PDB file of N, CA and C in Angstrom:
ATOM      1  N   MET A   1       0.849  -1.179   0.000  1.00  0.00           N
ATOM      2  CA  MET A   1       0.000   0.000   0.000  1.00  0.00           C
ATOM      3  C   MET A   1       0.891   1.236   0.000  1.00  0.00           C
ATOM      4  N   LYS A   2       0.466   2.259  -0.689  1.00  0.00           N
ATOM      5  CA  LYS A   2       1.286   3.457  -0.826  1.00  0.00           C
ATOM      6  C   LYS A   2       0.955   4.503   0.230  1.00  0.00           C
ATOM      7  N   ARG A   3       1.963   5.254   0.571  1.00  0.00           N
ATOM      8  CA  ARG A   3       1.827   6.388   1.494  1.00  0.00           C
ATOM      9  C   ARG A   3       0.734   7.339   1.012  1.00  0.00           C
ATOM     10  N   SER A   4       0.715   7.617  -0.283  1.00  0.00           N
ATOM     11  CA  SER A   4      -0.253   8.560  -0.843  1.00  0.00           C
ATOM     12  C   SER A   4      -1.693   8.065  -0.665  1.00  0.00           C
ATOM     13  N   ASP A   5      -1.907   6.740  -0.677  1.00  0.00           N
ATOM     14  CA  ASP A   5      -3.250   6.189  -0.454  1.00  0.00           C
ATOM     15  C   ASP A   5      -3.723   6.492   0.969  1.00  0.00           C
ATOM     16  N   VAL A   6      -2.821   6.340   1.923  1.00  0.00           N
ATOM     17  CA  VAL A   6      -3.143   6.623   3.329  1.00  0.00           C
ATOM     18  C   VAL A   6      -3.443   8.108   3.503  1.00  0.00           C
ATOM     19  N   GLU A   7      -2.589   8.949   2.977  1.00  0.00           N
ATOM     20  CA  GLU A   7      -2.774  10.403   3.110  1.00  0.00           C
ATOM     21  C   GLU A   7      -4.086  10.846   2.459  1.00  0.00           C
ATOM     22  N   ARG A   8      -4.384  10.314   1.294  1.00  0.00           N
ATOM     23  CA  ARG A   8      -5.619  10.681   0.589  1.00  0.00           C
ATOM     24  C   ARG A   8      -6.852  10.223   1.377  1.00  0.00           C
ATOM     25  N   TYR A   9      -6.811   9.001   1.904  1.00  0.00           N
ATOM     26  CA  TYR A   9      -7.938   8.476   2.679  1.00  0.00           C
ATOM     27  C   TYR A   9      -8.217   9.355   3.904  1.00  0.00           C
ATOM     28  N   ILE A  10      -7.167   9.683   4.646  1.00  0.00           N
ATOM     29  CA  ILE A  10      -7.335  10.499   5.852  1.00  0.00           C
ATOM     30  C   ILE A  10      -7.848  11.887   5.492  1.00  0.00           C
ATOM     31  N   LYS A  11      -7.356  12.460   4.416  1.00  0.00           N
ATOM     32  CA  LYS A  11      -7.807  13.787   3.983  1.00  0.00           C
ATOM     33  C   LYS A  11      -9.287  13.744   3.591  1.00  0.00           C
ATOM     34  N   GLU A  12      -9.665  12.747   2.795  1.00  0.00           N
ATOM     35  CA  GLU A  12     -11.048  12.667   2.318  1.00  0.00           C
ATOM     36  C   GLU A  12     -12.033  12.315   3.430  1.00  0.00           C
ATOM     37  N   LYS A  13     -11.658  11.428   4.329  1.00  0.00           N
ATOM     38  CA  LYS A  13     -12.579  10.970   5.371  1.00  0.00           C
ATOM     39  C   LYS A  13     -12.645  11.917   6.567  1.00  0.00           C
ATOM     40  N   PHE A  14     -11.499  12.455   6.978  1.00  0.00           N
ATOM     41  CA  PHE A  14     -11.448  13.247   8.209  1.00  0.00           C
ATOM     42  C   PHE A  14     -11.048  14.699   7.995  1.00  0.00           C
ATOM     43  N   ASP A  15     -10.750  15.070   6.754  1.00  0.00           N
ATOM     44  CA  ASP A  15     -10.315  16.430   6.417  1.00  0.00           C
ATOM     45  C   ASP A  15      -9.093  16.844   7.233  1.00  0.00           C
ATOM     46  N   VAL A  16      -8.125  15.933   7.315  1.00  0.00           N
ATOM     47  CA  VAL A  16      -6.897  16.168   8.078  1.00  0.00           C
ATOM     48  C   VAL A  16      -5.700  15.908   7.168  1.00  0.00           C
ATOM     49  N   LEU A  17      -4.749  16.820   7.211  1.00  0.00           N
ATOM     50  CA  LEU A  17      -3.482  16.658   6.489  1.00  0.00           C
ATOM     51  C   LEU A  17      -2.388  16.291   7.477  1.00  0.00           C
ATOM     52  N   GLY A  18      -1.400  15.554   7.000  1.00  0.00           N
ATOM     53  CA  GLY A  18      -0.262  15.209   7.847  1.00  0.00           C
ATOM     54  C   GLY A  18       0.584  16.426   8.141  1.00  0.00           C
ATOM     55  N   GLU A  19       1.065  16.500   9.369  1.00  0.00           N
ATOM     56  CA  GLU A  19       1.943  17.599   9.785  1.00  0.00           C
ATOM     57  C   GLU A  19       3.376  17.092   9.861  1.00  0.00           C
ATOM     58  N   GLN A  20       4.290  17.909   9.395  1.00  0.00           N
ATOM     59  CA  GLN A  20       5.716  17.586   9.505  1.00  0.00           C
ATOM     60  C   GLN A  20       6.187  18.074  10.875  1.00  0.00           C
ATOM     61  N   ILE A  21       5.976  17.247  11.896  1.00  0.00           N
ATOM     62  CA  ILE A  21       6.271  17.673  13.264  1.00  0.00           C
ATOM     63  C   ILE A  21       7.755  17.598  13.606  1.00  0.00           C
ATOM     64  N   PHE A  22       8.493  16.843  12.821  1.00  0.00           N
ATOM     65  CA  PHE A  22       9.935  16.753  13.004  1.00  0.00           C
ATOM     66  C   PHE A  22      10.574  17.231  11.704  1.00  0.00           C
ATOM     67  N   PRO A  23      10.790  18.534  11.544  1.00  0.00           N
ATOM     68  CA  PRO A  23      11.275  19.088  10.275  1.00  0.00           C
ATOM     69  C   PRO A  23      12.553  18.422   9.765  1.00  0.00           C
ATOM     70  N   LYS A  24      13.354  17.932  10.684  1.00  0.00           N
ATOM     71  CA  LYS A  24      14.606  17.276  10.311  1.00  0.00           C
ATOM     72  C   LYS A  24      14.332  15.952   9.571  1.00  0.00           C
ATOM     73  N   TYR A  25      13.177  15.337   9.852  1.00  0.00           N
ATOM     74  CA  TYR A  25      12.801  14.058   9.250  1.00  0.00           C
ATOM     75  C   TYR A  25      11.581  14.266   8.362  1.00  0.00           C
ATOM     76  N   LEU A  26      11.811  14.494   7.086  1.00  0.00           N
ATOM     77  CA  LEU A  26      10.740  14.852   6.164  1.00  0.00           C
ATOM     78  C   LEU A  26       9.756  13.720   5.911  1.00  0.00           C
ATOM     79  N   LYS A  27      10.150  12.508   6.169  1.00  0.00           N
ATOM     80  CA  LYS A  27       9.278  11.365   5.880  1.00  0.00           C
ATOM     81  C   LYS A  27       8.457  10.935   7.097  1.00  0.00           C
ATOM     82  N   ILE A  28       8.209  11.841   8.035  1.00  0.00           N
ATOM     83  CA  ILE A  28       7.366  11.544   9.186  1.00  0.00           C
ATOM     84  C   ILE A  28       6.218  12.552   9.201  1.00  0.00           C
ATOM     85  N   SER A  29       4.996  12.020   9.155  1.00  0.00           N
ATOM     86  CA  SER A  29       3.810  12.878   9.182  1.00  0.00           C
ATOM     87  C   SER A  29       2.899  12.432  10.312  1.00  0.00           C
ATOM     88  N   ALA A  30       2.463  13.378  11.133  1.00  0.00           N
ATOM     89  CA  ALA A  30       1.515  13.107  12.211  1.00  0.00           C
ATOM     90  C   ALA A  30       0.139  13.614  11.788  1.00  0.00           C
ATOM     91  N   PHE A  31      -0.874  12.843  12.124  1.00  0.00           N
ATOM     92  CA  PHE A  31      -2.254  13.214  11.823  1.00  0.00           C
ATOM     93  C   PHE A  31      -2.986  13.387  13.149  1.00  0.00           C
ATOM     94  N   ARG A  32      -3.621  14.564  13.315  1.00  0.00           N
ATOM     95  CA  ARG A  32      -4.277  14.909  14.579  1.00  0.00           C
ATOM     96  C   ARG A  32      -5.742  15.242  14.364  1.00  0.00           C
ATOM     97  N   HIS A  33      -6.516  14.987  15.412  1.00  0.00           N
ATOM     98  CA  HIS A  33      -7.896  15.461  15.433  1.00  0.00           C
ATOM     99  C   HIS A  33      -7.872  16.983  15.393  1.00  0.00           C
ATOM    100  N   LYS A  34      -8.803  17.567  14.691  1.00  0.00           N
ATOM    101  CA  LYS A  34      -8.858  19.023  14.608  1.00  0.00           C
ATOM    102  C   LYS A  34      -9.269  19.657  15.938  1.00  0.00           C
ATOM    103  N   LYS A  35     -10.176  19.000  16.687  1.00  0.00           N
ATOM    104  CA  LYS A  35     -10.687  19.601  17.918  1.00  0.00           C
ATOM    105  C   LYS A  35      -9.730  19.454  19.098  1.00  0.00           C
ATOM    106  N   ASN A  36      -9.259  18.238  19.360  1.00  0.00           N
ATOM    107  CA  ASN A  36      -8.439  18.036  20.561  1.00  0.00           C
ATOM    108  C   ASN A  36      -6.939  17.925  20.266  1.00  0.00           C
ATOM    109  N   GLU A  37      -6.578  17.927  18.990  1.00  0.00           N
ATOM    110  CA  GLU A  37      -5.191  17.865  18.533  1.00  0.00           C
ATOM    111  C   GLU A  37      -4.440  16.599  18.954  1.00  0.00           C
ATOM    112  N   LYS A  38      -5.177  15.566  19.382  1.00  0.00           N
ATOM    113  CA  LYS A  38      -4.536  14.290  19.708  1.00  0.00           C
ATOM    114  C   LYS A  38      -4.178  13.564  18.423  1.00  0.00           C
ATOM    115  N   TRP A  39      -3.024  12.921  18.443  1.00  0.00           N
ATOM    116  CA  TRP A  39      -2.603  12.139  17.289  1.00  0.00           C
ATOM    117  C   TRP A  39      -3.488  10.907  17.167  1.00  0.00           C
ATOM    118  N   PHE A  40      -3.796  10.534  15.928  1.00  0.00           N
ATOM    119  CA  PHE A  40      -4.442   9.252  15.696  1.00  0.00           C
ATOM    120  C   PHE A  40      -3.651   8.417  14.687  1.00  0.00           C
ATOM    121  N   ALA A  41      -2.669   9.029  14.037  1.00  0.00           N
ATOM    122  CA  ALA A  41      -1.834   8.280  13.100  1.00  0.00           C
ATOM    123  C   ALA A  41      -0.479   8.963  12.946  1.00  0.00           C
ATOM    124  N   LEU A  42       0.524   8.143  12.732  1.00  0.00           N
ATOM    125  CA  LEU A  42       1.878   8.629  12.476  1.00  0.00           C
ATOM    126  C   LEU A  42       2.430   7.796  11.323  1.00  0.00           C
ATOM    127  N   LEU A  43       2.713   8.451  10.217  1.00  0.00           N
ATOM    128  CA  LEU A  43       3.186   7.791   9.002  1.00  0.00           C
ATOM    129  C   LEU A  43       4.674   8.078   8.850  1.00  0.00           C
ATOM    130  N   MET A  44       5.488   7.010   8.668  1.00  0.00           N
ATOM    131  CA  MET A  44       6.934   7.216   8.617  1.00  0.00           C
ATOM    132  C   MET A  44       7.628   6.132   7.813  1.00  0.00           C
ATOM    133  N   GLU A  45       8.856   6.409   7.464  1.00  0.00           N
ATOM    134  CA  GLU A  45       9.740   5.427   6.847  1.00  0.00           C
ATOM    135  C   GLU A  45      10.795   5.039   7.866  1.00  0.00           C
ATOM    136  N   ILE A  46      10.961   3.719   8.058  1.00  0.00           N
ATOM    137  CA  ILE A  46      11.991   3.222   8.976  1.00  0.00           C
ATOM    138  C   ILE A  46      12.628   1.970   8.362  1.00  0.00           C
ATOM    139  N   SER A  47      13.729   1.576   8.930  1.00  0.00           N
ATOM    140  CA  SER A  47      14.357   0.321   8.516  1.00  0.00           C
ATOM    141  C   SER A  47      13.485  -0.832   9.006  1.00  0.00           C
ATOM    142  N   ALA A  48      13.268  -1.820   8.154  1.00  0.00           N
ATOM    143  CA  ALA A  48      12.459  -2.983   8.533  1.00  0.00           C
ATOM    144  C   ALA A  48      13.029  -3.676   9.772  1.00  0.00           C
ATOM    145  N   SER A  49      14.319  -3.568   9.967  1.00  0.00           N
ATOM    146  CA  SER A  49      14.945  -4.203  11.137  1.00  0.00           C
ATOM    147  C   SER A  49      14.433  -3.613  12.448  1.00  0.00           C
ATOM    148  N   LYS A  50      13.965  -2.371  12.421  1.00  0.00           N
ATOM    149  CA  LYS A  50      13.433  -1.753  13.642  1.00  0.00           C
ATOM    150  C   LYS A  50      12.107  -2.376  14.060  1.00  0.00           C
ATOM    151  N   LEU A  51      11.487  -3.101  13.142  1.00  0.00           N
ATOM    152  CA  LEU A  51      10.264  -3.831  13.468  1.00  0.00           C
ATOM    153  C   LEU A  51      10.577  -5.266  13.891  1.00  0.00           C
ATOM    154  N   GLY A  52      11.863  -5.635  13.780  1.00  0.00           N
ATOM    155  CA  GLY A  52      12.264  -6.990  14.118  1.00  0.00           C
ATOM    156  C   GLY A  52      12.368  -7.896  12.902  1.00  0.00           C
ATOM    157  N   LEU A  53      12.210  -7.323  11.716  1.00  0.00           N
ATOM    158  CA  LEU A  53      12.345  -8.105  10.488  1.00  0.00           C
ATOM    159  C   LEU A  53      13.819  -8.231  10.116  1.00  0.00           C
ATOM    160  N   GLU A  54      14.165  -9.275   9.409  1.00  0.00           N
ATOM    161  CA  GLU A  54      15.557  -9.514   9.026  1.00  0.00           C
ATOM    162  C   GLU A  54      15.869  -8.822   7.711  1.00  0.00           C
ATOM    163  N   SER A  55      15.821  -7.500   7.726  1.00  0.00           N
ATOM    164  CA  SER A  55      16.078  -6.706   6.533  1.00  0.00           C
ATOM    165  C   SER A  55      16.407  -5.284   6.948  1.00  0.00           C
ATOM    166  N   ASP A  56      17.263  -4.652   6.171  1.00  0.00           N
ATOM    167  CA  ASP A  56      17.545  -3.232   6.397  1.00  0.00           C
ATOM    168  C   ASP A  56      16.814  -2.369   5.374  1.00  0.00           C
ATOM    169  N   GLU A  57      15.921  -2.993   4.621  1.00  0.00           N
ATOM    170  CA  GLU A  57      15.118  -2.285   3.626  1.00  0.00           C
ATOM    171  C   GLU A  57      14.269  -1.208   4.313  1.00  0.00           C
ATOM    172  N   VAL A  58      14.155  -0.062   3.671  1.00  0.00           N
ATOM    173  CA  VAL A  58      13.304   1.001   4.202  1.00  0.00           C
ATOM    174  C   VAL A  58      11.859   0.603   3.952  1.00  0.00           C
ATOM    175  N   THR A  59      11.044   0.721   4.981  1.00  0.00           N
ATOM    176  CA  THR A  59       9.638   0.336   4.870  1.00  0.00           C
ATOM    177  C   THR A  59       8.739   1.465   5.364  1.00  0.00           C
ATOM    178  N   GLU A  60       7.574   1.566   4.765  1.00  0.00           N
ATOM    179  CA  GLU A  60       6.569   2.547   5.193  1.00  0.00           C
ATOM    180  C   GLU A  60       5.785   1.930   6.340  1.00  0.00           C
ATOM    181  N   VAL A  61       5.664   2.674   7.422  1.00  0.00           N
ATOM    182  CA  VAL A  61       4.971   2.203   8.610  1.00  0.00           C
ATOM    183  C   VAL A  61       3.933   3.236   9.023  1.00  0.00           C
ATOM    184  N   LEU A  62       2.778   2.745   9.439  1.00  0.00           N
ATOM    185  CA  LEU A  62       1.713   3.603   9.939  1.00  0.00           C
ATOM    186  C   LEU A  62       1.414   3.195  11.371  1.00  0.00           C
ATOM    187  N   ASN A  63       1.707   4.080  12.321  1.00  0.00           N
ATOM    188  CA  ASN A  63       1.377   3.826  13.716  1.00  0.00           C
ATOM    189  C   ASN A  63      -0.044   4.307  13.972  1.00  0.00           C
ATOM    190  N   LEU A  64      -0.830   3.448  14.637  1.00  0.00           N
ATOM    191  CA  LEU A  64      -2.231   3.745  14.905  1.00  0.00           C
ATOM    192  C   LEU A  64      -2.598   3.362  16.327  1.00  0.00           C
ATOM    193  N   LYS A  65      -3.520   4.114  16.922  1.00  0.00           N
ATOM    194  CA  LYS A  65      -4.062   3.733  18.223  1.00  0.00           C
ATOM    195  C   LYS A  65      -4.882   2.471  18.034  1.00  0.00           C
ATOM    196  N   CYS A  66      -4.874   1.625  19.064  1.00  0.00           N
ATOM    197  CA  CYS A  66      -5.594   0.362  18.980  1.00  0.00           C
ATOM    198  C   CYS A  66      -5.898  -0.106  20.398  1.00  0.00           C
ATOM    199  N   SER A  67      -7.067  -0.670  20.605  1.00  0.00           N
ATOM    200  CA  SER A  67      -7.378  -1.183  21.940  1.00  0.00           C
ATOM    201  C   SER A  67      -6.422  -2.341  22.241  1.00  0.00           C
ATOM    202  N   PRO A  68      -6.006  -2.471  23.490  1.00  0.00           N
ATOM    203  CA  PRO A  68      -5.067  -3.543  23.851  1.00  0.00           C
ATOM    204  C   PRO A  68      -5.584  -4.935  23.477  1.00  0.00           C
ATOM    205  N   ASP A  69      -6.880  -5.179  23.658  1.00  0.00           N
ATOM    206  CA  ASP A  69      -7.444  -6.492  23.337  1.00  0.00           C
ATOM    207  C   ASP A  69      -7.361  -6.785  21.839  1.00  0.00           C
ATOM    208  N   LEU A  70      -7.685  -5.796  21.022  1.00  0.00           N
ATOM    209  CA  LEU A  70      -7.618  -5.975  19.578  1.00  0.00           C
ATOM    210  C   LEU A  70      -6.163  -6.127  19.122  1.00  0.00           C
ATOM    211  N   ALA A  71      -5.281  -5.346  19.698  1.00  0.00           N
ATOM    212  CA  ALA A  71      -3.865  -5.414  19.326  1.00  0.00           C
ATOM    213  C   ALA A  71      -3.308  -6.820  19.559  1.00  0.00           C
ATOM    214  N   MET A  72      -3.705  -7.455  20.673  1.00  0.00           N
ATOM    215  CA  MET A  72      -3.214  -8.810  20.967  1.00  0.00           C
ATOM    216  C   MET A  72      -3.616  -9.787  19.864  1.00  0.00           C
ATOM    217  N   VAL A  73      -4.780  -9.584  19.269  1.00  0.00           N
ATOM    218  CA  VAL A  73      -5.260 -10.459  18.210  1.00  0.00           C
ATOM    219  C   VAL A  73      -4.584 -10.135  16.873  1.00  0.00           C
ATOM    220  N   LEU A  74      -4.355  -8.842  16.625  1.00  0.00           N
ATOM    221  CA  LEU A  74      -3.854  -8.399  15.318  1.00  0.00           C
ATOM    222  C   LEU A  74      -2.363  -8.603  15.092  1.00  0.00           C
ATOM    223  N   VAL A  75      -1.568  -8.435  16.136  1.00  0.00           N
ATOM    224  CA  VAL A  75      -0.107  -8.465  15.968  1.00  0.00           C
ATOM    225  C   VAL A  75       0.331  -9.833  15.458  1.00  0.00           C
ATOM    226  N   ASP A  76       0.943  -9.818  14.265  1.00  0.00           N
ATOM    227  CA  ASP A  76       1.413 -11.059  13.640  1.00  0.00           C
ATOM    228  C   ASP A  76       2.896 -11.007  13.285  1.00  0.00           C
ATOM    229  N   GLU A  77       3.548  -9.883  13.559  1.00  0.00           N
ATOM    230  CA  GLU A  77       4.985  -9.693  13.303  1.00  0.00           C
ATOM    231  C   GLU A  77       5.359  -9.766  11.819  1.00  0.00           C
ATOM    232  N   GLN A  78       4.383  -9.626  10.935  1.00  0.00           N
ATOM    233  CA  GLN A  78       4.637  -9.541   9.503  1.00  0.00           C
ATOM    234  C   GLN A  78       3.951  -8.310   8.914  1.00  0.00           C
ATOM    235  N   GLN A  79       2.658  -8.180   9.235  1.00  0.00           N
ATOM    236  CA  GLN A  79       1.885  -7.040   8.743  1.00  0.00           C
ATOM    237  C   GLN A  79       1.638  -6.017   9.839  1.00  0.00           C
ATOM    238  N   ILE A  80       1.397  -6.519  11.033  1.00  0.00           N
ATOM    239  CA  ILE A  80       1.089  -5.649  12.173  1.00  0.00           C
ATOM    240  C   ILE A  80       2.005  -6.019  13.336  1.00  0.00           C
ATOM    241  N   PHE A  81       2.571  -4.980  13.941  1.00  0.00           N
ATOM    242  CA  PHE A  81       3.558  -5.146  15.016  1.00  0.00           C
ATOM    243  C   PHE A  81       3.154  -4.346  16.238  1.00  0.00           C
ATOM    244  N   LYS A  82       3.746  -4.698  17.375  1.00  0.00           N
ATOM    245  CA  LYS A  82       3.653  -3.792  18.516  1.00  0.00           C
ATOM    246  C   LYS A  82       4.303  -2.497  18.053  1.00  0.00           C
ATOM    247  N   ALA A  83       3.791  -1.399  18.500  1.00  0.00           N
ATOM    248  CA  ALA A  83       4.176  -0.096  17.953  1.00  0.00           C
ATOM    249  C   ALA A  83       5.669   0.193  18.059  1.00  0.00           C
ATOM    250  N   TYR A  84       6.185   0.732  16.963  1.00  0.00           N
ATOM    251  CA  TYR A  84       7.553   1.233  16.950  1.00  0.00           C
ATOM    252  C   TYR A  84       7.539   2.635  17.545  1.00  0.00           C
ATOM    253  N   HIS A  85       8.335   2.846  18.581  1.00  0.00           N
ATOM    254  CA  HIS A  85       8.574   4.163  19.174  1.00  0.00           C
ATOM    255  C   HIS A  85       7.320   4.803  19.796  1.00  0.00           C
ATOM    256  N   MET A  86       6.343   3.970  20.172  1.00  0.00           N
ATOM    257  CA  MET A  86       5.122   4.468  20.813  1.00  0.00           C
ATOM    258  C   MET A  86       4.760   3.483  21.919  1.00  0.00           C
ATOM    259  N   ASN A  87       3.734   3.827  22.696  1.00  0.00           N
ATOM    260  CA  ASN A  87       3.231   2.944  23.746  1.00  0.00           C
ATOM    261  C   ASN A  87       2.751   1.640  23.104  1.00  0.00           C
ATOM    262  N   LYS A  88       3.392   0.544  23.452  1.00  0.00           N
ATOM    263  CA  LYS A  88       3.102  -0.735  22.807  1.00  0.00           C
ATOM    264  C   LYS A  88       1.792  -1.351  23.264  1.00  0.00           C
ATOM    265  N   LYS A  89       1.203  -0.836  24.325  1.00  0.00           N
ATOM    266  CA  LYS A  89      -0.086  -1.355  24.790  1.00  0.00           C
ATOM    267  C   LYS A  89      -1.238  -0.732  24.004  1.00  0.00           C
ATOM    268  N   HIS A  90      -1.102   0.534  23.624  1.00  0.00           N
ATOM    269  CA  HIS A  90      -2.208   1.270  23.009  1.00  0.00           C
ATOM    270  C   HIS A  90      -1.983   1.651  21.553  1.00  0.00           C
ATOM    271  N   TRP A  91      -0.852   1.254  20.983  1.00  0.00           N
ATOM    272  CA  TRP A  91      -0.542   1.589  19.588  1.00  0.00           C
ATOM    273  C   TRP A  91      -0.020   0.366  18.870  1.00  0.00           C
ATOM    274  N   ILE A  92      -0.241   0.318  17.565  1.00  0.00           N
ATOM    275  CA  ILE A  92       0.318  -0.720  16.712  1.00  0.00           C
ATOM    276  C   ILE A  92       1.042  -0.056  15.545  1.00  0.00           C
ATOM    277  N   SER A  93       1.932  -0.806  14.911  1.00  0.00           N
ATOM    278  CA  SER A  93       2.596  -0.359  13.689  1.00  0.00           C
ATOM    279  C   SER A  93       2.142  -1.267  12.560  1.00  0.00           C
ATOM    280  N   VAL A  94       1.646  -0.651  11.500  1.00  0.00           N
ATOM    281  CA  VAL A  94       1.199  -1.385  10.326  1.00  0.00           C
ATOM    282  C   VAL A  94       2.281  -1.271   9.259  1.00  0.00           C
ATOM    283  N   ASN A  95       2.770  -2.406   8.788  1.00  0.00           N
ATOM    284  CA  ASN A  95       3.787  -2.454   7.743  1.00  0.00           C
ATOM    285  C   ASN A  95       3.083  -2.279   6.399  1.00  0.00           C
ATOM    286  N   LEU A  96       3.157  -1.100   5.823  1.00  0.00           N
ATOM    287  CA  LEU A  96       2.479  -0.824   4.560  1.00  0.00           C
ATOM    288  C   LEU A  96       3.152  -1.516   3.378  1.00  0.00           C
ATOM    289  N   ASN A  97       4.380  -2.016   3.573  1.00  0.00           N
ATOM    290  CA  ASN A  97       5.069  -2.745   2.508  1.00  0.00           C
ATOM    291  C   ASN A  97       4.703  -4.231   2.512  1.00  0.00           C
ATOM    292  N   SER A  98       3.872  -4.637   3.457  1.00  0.00           N
ATOM    293  CA  SER A  98       3.446  -6.039   3.532  1.00  0.00           C
ATOM    294  C   SER A  98       2.240  -6.249   2.616  1.00  0.00           C
ATOM    295  N   LYS A  99       1.654  -7.414   2.688  1.00  0.00           N
ATOM    296  CA  LYS A  99       0.492  -7.746   1.852  1.00  0.00           C
ATOM    297  C   LYS A  99      -0.824  -7.387   2.531  1.00  0.00           C
ATOM    298  N   ILE A 100      -0.792  -6.524   3.525  1.00  0.00           N
ATOM    299  CA  ILE A 100      -1.999  -6.131   4.237  1.00  0.00           C
ATOM    300  C   ILE A 100      -2.975  -5.451   3.274  1.00  0.00           C
ATOM    301  N   SER A 101      -4.248  -5.754   3.442  1.00  0.00           N
ATOM    302  CA  SER A 101      -5.241  -5.205   2.518  1.00  0.00           C
ATOM    303  C   SER A 101      -5.521  -3.734   2.821  1.00  0.00           C
ATOM    304  N   GLN A 102      -5.893  -3.027   1.776  1.00  0.00           N
ATOM    305  CA  GLN A 102      -6.248  -1.616   1.926  1.00  0.00           C
ATOM    306  C   GLN A 102      -7.434  -1.468   2.870  1.00  0.00           C
ATOM    307  N   LYS A 103      -8.417  -2.356   2.759  1.00  0.00           N
ATOM    308  CA  LYS A 103      -9.597  -2.292   3.623  1.00  0.00           C
ATOM    309  C   LYS A 103      -9.201  -2.419   5.095  1.00  0.00           C
ATOM    310  N   THR A 104      -8.302  -3.341   5.392  1.00  0.00           N
ATOM    311  CA  THR A 104      -7.846  -3.516   6.777  1.00  0.00           C
ATOM    312  C   THR A 104      -7.174  -2.251   7.287  1.00  0.00           C
ATOM    313  N   VAL A 105      -6.297  -1.670   6.481  1.00  0.00           N
ATOM    314  CA  VAL A 105      -5.603  -0.444   6.890  1.00  0.00           C
ATOM    315  C   VAL A 105      -6.620   0.675   7.131  1.00  0.00           C
ATOM    316  N   PHE A 106      -7.568   0.848   6.223  1.00  0.00           N
ATOM    317  CA  PHE A 106      -8.557   1.912   6.377  1.00  0.00           C
ATOM    318  C   PHE A 106      -9.445   1.669   7.605  1.00  0.00           C
ATOM    319  N   ASP A 107      -9.821   0.422   7.859  1.00  0.00           N
ATOM    320  CA  ASP A 107     -10.601   0.103   9.066  1.00  0.00           C
ATOM    321  C   ASP A 107      -9.813   0.431  10.327  1.00  0.00           C
ATOM    322  N   LEU A 108      -8.516   0.133  10.324  1.00  0.00           N
ATOM    323  CA  LEU A 108      -7.667   0.430  11.486  1.00  0.00           C
ATOM    324  C   LEU A 108      -7.486   1.938  11.675  1.00  0.00           C
ATOM    325  N   ILE A 109      -7.413   2.686  10.580  1.00  0.00           N
ATOM    326  CA  ILE A 109      -7.348   4.155  10.676  1.00  0.00           C
ATOM    327  C   ILE A 109      -8.633   4.678  11.318  1.00  0.00           C
ATOM    328  N   ASP A 110      -9.772   4.177  10.860  1.00  0.00           N
ATOM    329  CA  ASP A 110     -11.062   4.604  11.423  1.00  0.00           C
ATOM    330  C   ASP A 110     -11.119   4.316  12.919  1.00  0.00           C
ATOM    331  N   GLU A 111     -10.672   3.137  13.309  1.00  0.00           N
ATOM    332  CA  GLU A 111     -10.671   2.745  14.728  1.00  0.00           C
ATOM    333  C   GLU A 111      -9.765   3.673  15.534  1.00  0.00           C
ATOM    334  N   SER A 112      -8.602   3.958  15.003  1.00  0.00           N
ATOM    335  CA  SER A 112      -7.667   4.842  15.691  1.00  0.00           C
ATOM    336  C   SER A 112      -8.253   6.231  15.866  1.00  0.00           C
ATOM    337  N   PHE A 113      -8.903   6.723  14.824  1.00  0.00           N
ATOM    338  CA  PHE A 113      -9.529   8.049  14.896  1.00  0.00           C
ATOM    339  C   PHE A 113     -10.561   8.083  16.021  1.00  0.00           C
ATOM    340  N   MET A 114     -11.393   7.038  16.092  1.00  0.00           N
ATOM    341  CA  MET A 114     -12.440   6.982  17.133  1.00  0.00           C
ATOM    342  C   MET A 114     -11.821   6.892  18.538  1.00  0.00           C
ATOM    343  N   LEU A 115     -10.765   6.126  18.683  1.00  0.00           N
ATOM    344  CA  LEU A 115     -10.125   5.973  19.992  1.00  0.00           C
ATOM    345  C   LEU A 115      -9.436   7.256  20.461  1.00  0.00           C
ATOM    346  N   SER A 116      -9.126   8.127  19.538  1.00  0.00           N
ATOM    347  CA  SER A 116      -8.386   9.348  19.884  1.00  0.00           C
ATOM    348  C   SER A 116      -9.317  10.533  20.182  1.00  0.00           C
ATOM    349  N   LYS A 117     -10.588  10.319  20.116  1.00  0.00           N
ATOM    350  CA  LYS A 117     -11.536  11.409  20.371  1.00  0.00           C
ATOM    351  C   LYS A 117     -11.509  11.836  21.819  1.00  0.00           C
TER     352      LYS A 117
END
């Protein structure tokens, strides 16, 4: 799945654009609720090895809020991981370079948005 698909979906559904919150790192975009400014998604490029994969390939990752119970079911260490660089109980990392379906990613974005209200 492409970064642009995620950005377009969030813009069309929630009218939110990614913010470059770390100017030094241009490939990191945070998405926040307009009212409470809480993050519901963080889109970034990282080395696959940071997810525990045996590769140094750069991969697109989308961090999303997720209920702890759902996260326990979803984490498979191929498509969905315990969150990189976030609270591992309440966030997950979605490997956009995996074979994860677009519908699954969009459903997880919707869930994250609702949890961040």
